Amino acid sequence: MSAPSDPRPGSSKTTMTTRDAEHFTTDPDGSGPPGPRGASSGRTGTGRGNVEVPALGPVGMARWAWAQLTKMNTALFLLLLLAVAAVPGSIFPQRIQDPAKVSDYITNNPVLGEWLDRLQFFDVFSSAWFSAIYLLLFVSLIGCVLPRARKHWRAWRSQPPRTPQRLQRLPEHGVLILGEDGAAPDPDGVVAEAARLLRKRGYRVAVRDTATSTPSVAAERGMWKEVGNVVFHLALLGVLISVAVGSLFGYKGQKILVGGTPQHLDRPRGRPP
């Protein structure tokens, strides 16, 4: 602690730096010696230095889990995990494409084939673990992209923020004096010209308080960058929805055709032979 003198008589100023000051605390009953705040005195109590963190509970844990799931980092991790989980589908034969190859693989590799079949490596894209990753990614994108898109839409429709009354408090500010050597320009003309130049450079401009002695011109840009980001993630969400709808309501059929033998194929209904 230091107390520098003031050149004016009868005045003084006291300052304290946190590096030189040390905080002390005592036990609630005053029996223990003072010590630095946060130091343990070997007693269990509810003194000022002891902070108890309240339990989250089921609702708090659910909110924390939802906040972690809807983070952009979690969505990117799940997307990478989904790509890695799809690799076995291109390595091992799949029942949905060729059941005969799956039977041959299990016959030729009885031990490995049986374990791979238990782990659903021959039905990768319909397995429980692949579906779990897919659903988690779907929920994560919905909880991450939709609130972000709604927030950006509101920011797009709103006007730029008002100009602060005290610009000198901003870290980056400047002052330009017009008409110091000659006649002062018209304030309305200056505001209109500033708004025109800012719009020409791609800014969103909002002119306020034109009828007062302190008119204001606020401008901002950079909204299209976030639009591209939101559109990309919405498109990714649309791809996931399309794949899910195709898997649920689509169907595939296979038929083995042997050359040189007559084949009887079912005609589509409603068409003449």
Foldseek 3Di string as FASTA:
>chain_A
DDKDQDPDPPDTDDDDDPVPDFDWDADPVRPDDIDGQLDDPPDDDDDPSDDDDDDLPPVNVVVVVLVVLQDPVNLVVLVVVLVVLCVLPVVAAACQVPVVSLVVVCVVPVPVSVVCVVQCSNPSCPDPVSVVSLVSSLSNLCSHQVVLVVVLVVVVPDAFDWDDPDPVPDPDDDDDDAQPPHDHDDPLVVQVVVQVVQVVVPWRWDWPDPVDPDTTIGTDDDSVVVVVVSVVSVVVSVVSVVVVVCVVPPDDDDDDDDPPDDDDDDDDPPDDD
